[in-house]
N, C-alpha and C. Protein backbone atom coordinates (compact mmCIF):
# COMPACT_ATOMS: atom_id res chain seq x y z
N MET A 1 101.79 96.44 83.00
CA MET A 1 103.13 96.07 82.62
C MET A 1 103.82 97.27 81.99
N VAL A 2 105.06 97.49 82.37
CA VAL A 2 105.83 98.61 81.85
C VAL A 2 106.65 98.14 80.67
N THR A 3 106.61 98.91 79.59
CA THR A 3 107.40 98.54 78.42
C THR A 3 108.79 99.15 78.53
N ALA A 4 109.69 98.67 77.70
CA ALA A 4 111.07 99.15 77.72
C ALA A 4 111.27 100.41 76.89
N ALA A 5 110.19 101.02 76.43
CA ALA A 5 110.30 102.19 75.56
C ALA A 5 110.92 103.39 76.27
N ALA A 6 110.78 103.46 77.58
CA ALA A 6 111.29 104.63 78.31
C ALA A 6 112.74 104.46 78.76
N THR A 7 113.32 103.31 78.55
CA THR A 7 114.70 103.10 79.00
C THR A 7 115.67 103.70 78.01
N PHE A 8 116.90 103.86 78.45
CA PHE A 8 117.96 104.40 77.59
C PHE A 8 118.37 103.36 76.56
N GLY A 9 118.39 102.13 76.97
CA GLY A 9 118.79 101.05 76.06
C GLY A 9 117.58 100.44 75.37
N ARG A 10 117.84 99.38 74.64
CA ARG A 10 116.76 98.74 73.89
C ARG A 10 116.17 97.55 74.61
N SER A 11 116.91 96.98 75.55
CA SER A 11 116.43 95.80 76.25
C SER A 11 117.08 95.73 77.62
N GLY A 12 116.66 94.77 78.41
CA GLY A 12 117.27 94.59 79.72
C GLY A 12 118.74 94.26 79.64
N SER A 13 119.12 93.44 78.68
CA SER A 13 120.54 93.09 78.51
C SER A 13 121.36 94.30 78.09
N HIS A 14 120.80 95.10 77.22
CA HIS A 14 121.49 96.31 76.76
C HIS A 14 121.64 97.30 77.92
N ASP A 15 120.57 97.46 78.71
CA ASP A 15 120.65 98.32 79.89
C ASP A 15 121.71 97.81 80.87
N PHE A 16 121.76 96.50 81.06
CA PHE A 16 122.73 95.89 81.96
C PHE A 16 124.16 96.25 81.52
N ILE A 17 124.43 96.11 80.24
CA ILE A 17 125.77 96.41 79.71
C ILE A 17 126.07 97.90 79.84
N LEU A 18 125.10 98.76 79.53
CA LEU A 18 125.31 100.20 79.65
C LEU A 18 125.58 100.60 81.10
N LEU A 19 124.86 99.99 82.04
CA LEU A 19 125.09 100.30 83.45
C LEU A 19 126.49 99.90 83.88
N ARG A 20 126.94 98.73 83.48
CA ARG A 20 128.27 98.26 83.87
C ARG A 20 129.36 99.10 83.21
N ALA A 21 129.19 99.42 81.93
CA ALA A 21 130.18 100.23 81.23
C ALA A 21 130.26 101.63 81.82
N SER A 22 129.10 102.23 82.11
CA SER A 22 129.11 103.57 82.68
C SER A 22 129.71 103.56 84.09
N ALA A 23 129.47 102.50 84.84
CA ALA A 23 130.06 102.39 86.18
C ALA A 23 131.58 102.30 86.09
N ILE A 24 132.08 101.57 85.11
CA ILE A 24 133.54 101.46 84.94
C ILE A 24 134.14 102.81 84.60
N VAL A 25 133.50 103.56 83.71
CA VAL A 25 134.00 104.90 83.35
C VAL A 25 134.00 105.81 84.58
N MET A 26 132.93 105.77 85.38
CA MET A 26 132.86 106.62 86.57
C MET A 26 133.93 106.23 87.60
N VAL A 27 134.19 104.94 87.76
CA VAL A 27 135.23 104.50 88.69
C VAL A 27 136.61 104.95 88.20
N LEU A 28 136.87 104.81 86.91
CA LEU A 28 138.16 105.23 86.36
C LEU A 28 138.37 106.74 86.54
N TYR A 29 137.32 107.52 86.31
CA TYR A 29 137.43 108.97 86.48
C TYR A 29 137.65 109.32 87.95
N THR A 30 136.93 108.65 88.84
CA THR A 30 137.10 108.90 90.27
C THR A 30 138.50 108.55 90.72
N LEU A 31 139.02 107.40 90.27
CA LEU A 31 140.38 107.01 90.63
C LEU A 31 141.42 107.99 90.08
N PHE A 32 141.21 108.45 88.86
CA PHE A 32 142.13 109.42 88.28
C PHE A 32 142.13 110.71 89.09
N MET A 33 140.93 111.21 89.42
CA MET A 33 140.85 112.47 90.17
C MET A 33 141.42 112.30 91.58
N ALA A 34 141.17 111.16 92.21
CA ALA A 34 141.75 110.91 93.54
C ALA A 34 143.27 110.87 93.44
N GLY A 35 143.79 110.21 92.43
CA GLY A 35 145.24 110.17 92.22
C GLY A 35 145.81 111.55 91.96
N PHE A 36 145.08 112.36 91.21
CA PHE A 36 145.54 113.73 90.95
C PHE A 36 145.63 114.52 92.25
N PHE A 37 144.59 114.46 93.07
CA PHE A 37 144.61 115.22 94.32
C PHE A 37 145.64 114.69 95.31
N LEU A 38 145.86 113.38 95.32
CA LEU A 38 146.86 112.81 96.22
C LEU A 38 148.29 113.11 95.77
N SER A 39 148.50 113.22 94.47
CA SER A 39 149.85 113.43 93.96
C SER A 39 150.21 114.90 93.76
N THR A 40 149.23 115.78 93.86
CA THR A 40 149.49 117.21 93.67
C THR A 40 149.44 117.90 95.02
N PRO A 41 150.58 118.41 95.51
CA PRO A 41 150.60 119.00 96.85
C PRO A 41 149.74 120.25 96.98
N ASP A 42 149.84 121.16 96.02
CA ASP A 42 149.04 122.38 96.05
C ASP A 42 148.22 122.48 94.78
N VAL A 43 146.91 122.37 94.93
CA VAL A 43 146.03 122.50 93.78
C VAL A 43 145.63 123.97 93.68
N THR A 44 146.35 124.69 92.86
CA THR A 44 146.05 126.10 92.65
C THR A 44 145.20 126.25 91.39
N TYR A 45 144.77 127.45 91.14
CA TYR A 45 143.99 127.72 89.93
C TYR A 45 144.81 127.39 88.68
N GLU A 46 146.09 127.71 88.71
CA GLU A 46 146.94 127.45 87.55
C GLU A 46 147.07 125.95 87.27
N VAL A 47 147.24 125.17 88.34
CA VAL A 47 147.36 123.72 88.20
C VAL A 47 146.04 123.14 87.69
N TRP A 48 144.94 123.58 88.28
CA TRP A 48 143.61 123.08 87.92
C TRP A 48 143.27 123.44 86.48
N SER A 49 143.49 124.70 86.10
CA SER A 49 143.18 125.10 84.73
C SER A 49 144.15 124.45 83.74
N GLY A 50 145.38 124.19 84.17
CA GLY A 50 146.33 123.48 83.31
C GLY A 50 145.89 122.05 83.04
N LEU A 51 145.34 121.41 84.06
CA LEU A 51 144.83 120.05 83.89
C LEU A 51 143.69 120.02 82.88
N PHE A 52 142.76 120.95 83.03
CA PHE A 52 141.59 120.96 82.15
C PHE A 52 141.84 121.66 80.82
N ALA A 53 143.04 122.19 80.61
CA ALA A 53 143.39 122.76 79.31
C ALA A 53 143.70 121.66 78.30
N ASN A 54 144.03 120.47 78.80
CA ASN A 54 144.34 119.34 77.93
C ASN A 54 143.06 118.79 77.30
N ILE A 55 143.13 118.53 76.01
CA ILE A 55 141.96 118.02 75.30
C ILE A 55 141.53 116.66 75.83
N TRP A 56 142.49 115.82 76.21
CA TRP A 56 142.16 114.49 76.71
C TRP A 56 141.39 114.58 78.02
N MET A 57 141.69 115.59 78.84
CA MET A 57 140.97 115.74 80.11
C MET A 57 139.54 116.21 79.87
N LYS A 58 139.36 117.09 78.90
CA LYS A 58 138.01 117.53 78.55
C LYS A 58 137.18 116.36 78.02
N VAL A 59 137.79 115.56 77.17
CA VAL A 59 137.08 114.40 76.61
C VAL A 59 136.77 113.39 77.72
N PHE A 60 137.74 113.13 78.58
CA PHE A 60 137.55 112.19 79.69
C PHE A 60 136.45 112.68 80.64
N THR A 61 136.42 113.97 80.90
CA THR A 61 135.39 114.53 81.77
C THR A 61 134.02 114.44 81.11
N MET A 62 133.93 114.74 79.83
CA MET A 62 132.64 114.61 79.15
C MET A 62 132.20 113.16 79.06
N LEU A 63 133.15 112.25 78.91
CA LEU A 63 132.81 110.82 78.93
C LEU A 63 132.26 110.43 80.30
N ALA A 64 132.89 110.94 81.37
CA ALA A 64 132.41 110.65 82.72
C ALA A 64 131.03 111.25 82.95
N LEU A 65 130.81 112.48 82.49
CA LEU A 65 129.49 113.09 82.64
C LEU A 65 128.43 112.34 81.82
N SER A 66 128.82 111.86 80.65
CA SER A 66 127.89 111.05 79.85
C SER A 66 127.58 109.73 80.56
N ALA A 67 128.58 109.17 81.22
CA ALA A 67 128.36 107.94 81.99
C ALA A 67 127.39 108.19 83.14
N VAL A 68 127.54 109.34 83.80
CA VAL A 68 126.61 109.69 84.88
C VAL A 68 125.19 109.84 84.32
N LEU A 69 125.06 110.47 83.16
CA LEU A 69 123.76 110.64 82.53
C LEU A 69 123.12 109.29 82.21
N ILE A 70 123.86 108.42 81.56
CA ILE A 70 123.33 107.10 81.19
C ILE A 70 123.00 106.28 82.43
N HIS A 71 123.91 106.25 83.38
CA HIS A 71 123.73 105.46 84.60
C HIS A 71 122.52 105.96 85.39
N GLY A 72 122.42 107.26 85.53
CA GLY A 72 121.30 107.82 86.27
C GLY A 72 119.98 107.64 85.56
N TRP A 73 119.98 107.79 84.24
CA TRP A 73 118.76 107.66 83.45
C TRP A 73 118.20 106.24 83.56
N ILE A 74 119.05 105.26 83.34
CA ILE A 74 118.60 103.87 83.42
C ILE A 74 118.24 103.52 84.87
N GLY A 75 119.05 103.97 85.80
CA GLY A 75 118.80 103.67 87.21
C GLY A 75 117.49 104.21 87.71
N ILE A 76 117.18 105.46 87.40
CA ILE A 76 115.92 106.04 87.89
C ILE A 76 114.73 105.37 87.21
N TRP A 77 114.89 104.99 85.94
CA TRP A 77 113.80 104.30 85.27
C TRP A 77 113.55 102.94 85.93
N GLN A 78 114.62 102.19 86.20
CA GLN A 78 114.44 100.87 86.80
C GLN A 78 113.87 100.95 88.21
N VAL A 79 114.40 101.85 89.01
CA VAL A 79 113.92 101.97 90.39
C VAL A 79 112.48 102.47 90.42
N SER A 80 112.18 103.48 89.62
CA SER A 80 110.83 104.03 89.67
C SER A 80 109.79 103.06 89.12
N THR A 81 110.13 102.28 88.08
CA THR A 81 109.16 101.32 87.57
C THR A 81 108.96 100.15 88.54
N ASP A 82 109.97 99.85 89.36
CA ASP A 82 109.83 98.78 90.33
C ASP A 82 109.06 99.20 91.57
N TYR A 83 109.26 100.44 92.03
CA TYR A 83 108.74 100.83 93.34
C TYR A 83 107.65 101.89 93.32
N VAL A 84 107.49 102.63 92.24
CA VAL A 84 106.44 103.65 92.19
C VAL A 84 105.35 103.15 91.24
N LYS A 85 104.23 102.76 91.81
CA LYS A 85 103.17 102.15 91.01
C LYS A 85 102.24 103.17 90.37
N ALA A 86 102.10 104.36 90.95
CA ALA A 86 101.25 105.40 90.37
C ALA A 86 101.93 105.98 89.14
N ALA A 87 101.27 105.86 87.98
CA ALA A 87 101.88 106.26 86.72
C ALA A 87 102.22 107.74 86.68
N GLY A 88 101.34 108.57 87.19
CA GLY A 88 101.58 110.01 87.17
C GLY A 88 102.77 110.41 88.03
N LEU A 89 102.85 109.85 89.23
CA LEU A 89 103.97 110.13 90.12
C LEU A 89 105.27 109.61 89.53
N ARG A 90 105.22 108.42 88.96
CA ARG A 90 106.41 107.83 88.34
C ARG A 90 106.90 108.72 87.19
N ALA A 91 105.99 109.20 86.36
CA ALA A 91 106.37 110.07 85.25
C ALA A 91 106.97 111.37 85.76
N PHE A 92 106.41 111.93 86.83
CA PHE A 92 106.94 113.17 87.40
C PHE A 92 108.35 112.96 87.95
N ILE A 93 108.54 111.87 88.69
CA ILE A 93 109.86 111.58 89.25
C ILE A 93 110.90 111.39 88.14
N GLN A 94 110.51 110.65 87.11
CA GLN A 94 111.43 110.44 86.00
C GLN A 94 111.73 111.74 85.27
N LEU A 95 110.74 112.60 85.13
CA LEU A 95 110.95 113.89 84.48
C LEU A 95 111.92 114.75 85.28
N VAL A 96 111.71 114.84 86.59
CA VAL A 96 112.58 115.66 87.44
C VAL A 96 114.02 115.17 87.37
N PHE A 97 114.21 113.88 87.52
CA PHE A 97 115.57 113.34 87.47
C PHE A 97 116.19 113.48 86.09
N SER A 98 115.42 113.27 85.05
CA SER A 98 115.94 113.39 83.68
C SER A 98 116.36 114.82 83.38
N VAL A 99 115.53 115.78 83.76
CA VAL A 99 115.88 117.18 83.54
C VAL A 99 117.15 117.54 84.33
N GLY A 100 117.24 117.05 85.56
CA GLY A 100 118.43 117.30 86.38
C GLY A 100 119.68 116.71 85.77
N LEU A 101 119.59 115.48 85.28
CA LEU A 101 120.75 114.83 84.65
C LEU A 101 121.19 115.56 83.38
N ILE A 102 120.22 115.96 82.58
CA ILE A 102 120.55 116.70 81.35
C ILE A 102 121.15 118.06 81.69
N ALA A 103 120.64 118.71 82.74
CA ALA A 103 121.19 120.00 83.17
C ALA A 103 122.65 119.85 83.62
N VAL A 104 122.95 118.79 84.35
CA VAL A 104 124.33 118.55 84.78
C VAL A 104 125.23 118.32 83.58
N TRP A 105 124.77 117.53 82.63
CA TRP A 105 125.56 117.24 81.44
C TRP A 105 125.81 118.51 80.62
N LEU A 106 124.75 119.30 80.41
CA LEU A 106 124.89 120.54 79.64
C LEU A 106 125.79 121.55 80.35
N THR A 107 125.68 121.63 81.68
CA THR A 107 126.56 122.52 82.43
C THR A 107 128.01 122.11 82.24
N GLY A 108 128.29 120.82 82.31
CA GLY A 108 129.65 120.33 82.07
C GLY A 108 130.13 120.67 80.67
N LEU A 109 129.24 120.52 79.69
CA LEU A 109 129.59 120.85 78.31
C LEU A 109 129.96 122.32 78.18
N PHE A 110 129.12 123.20 78.72
CA PHE A 110 129.36 124.64 78.59
C PHE A 110 130.59 125.08 79.36
N VAL A 111 130.82 124.51 80.55
CA VAL A 111 131.97 124.90 81.35
C VAL A 111 133.26 124.39 80.71
N LEU A 112 133.27 123.15 80.25
CA LEU A 112 134.50 122.59 79.68
C LEU A 112 134.87 123.18 78.32
N TRP A 113 133.90 123.35 77.48
CA TRP A 113 134.20 123.74 76.10
C TRP A 113 133.93 125.22 75.85
N GLY A 114 133.34 125.92 76.80
CA GLY A 114 133.09 127.34 76.64
C GLY A 114 132.18 127.66 75.49
N VAL A 115 131.18 126.82 75.28
CA VAL A 115 130.24 127.01 74.17
C VAL A 115 129.30 128.15 74.49
C-alpha cells in the first residue's frame, strides 16, 4: 500500500482541490496568452518585453509555472503509484519528473526576475 507522504497535498481531497485549482490557473494563463497573440498583429521583441515588464505579468506567469509544478507533481505521483508497481522504477520516474518540474520552475524564476 502506498502512503500519501509523497504527494504534494495532505490527502486525496486536498490533492483533488489542488489539481482543479492548478488546472484553472493554467487554463486562464493559456486563454490570456492566446488572446494576446490573437489581438497583437506584430509580436516584436519590444512588445514581448513590454508585456513581461509589467509586475502583474511576472506574477501571473510565476503563478502559472507554480500551477504546472503542482499539477505535474501530483499527477506523476498518482499515475506512477497506480501503474508502476516496482518501487525502484516508480521512485526513479518520480525523481526524473520532479527534477524536471523544479528545473522548469527555477528557469522561469531566473528568466522573469533576473535573479
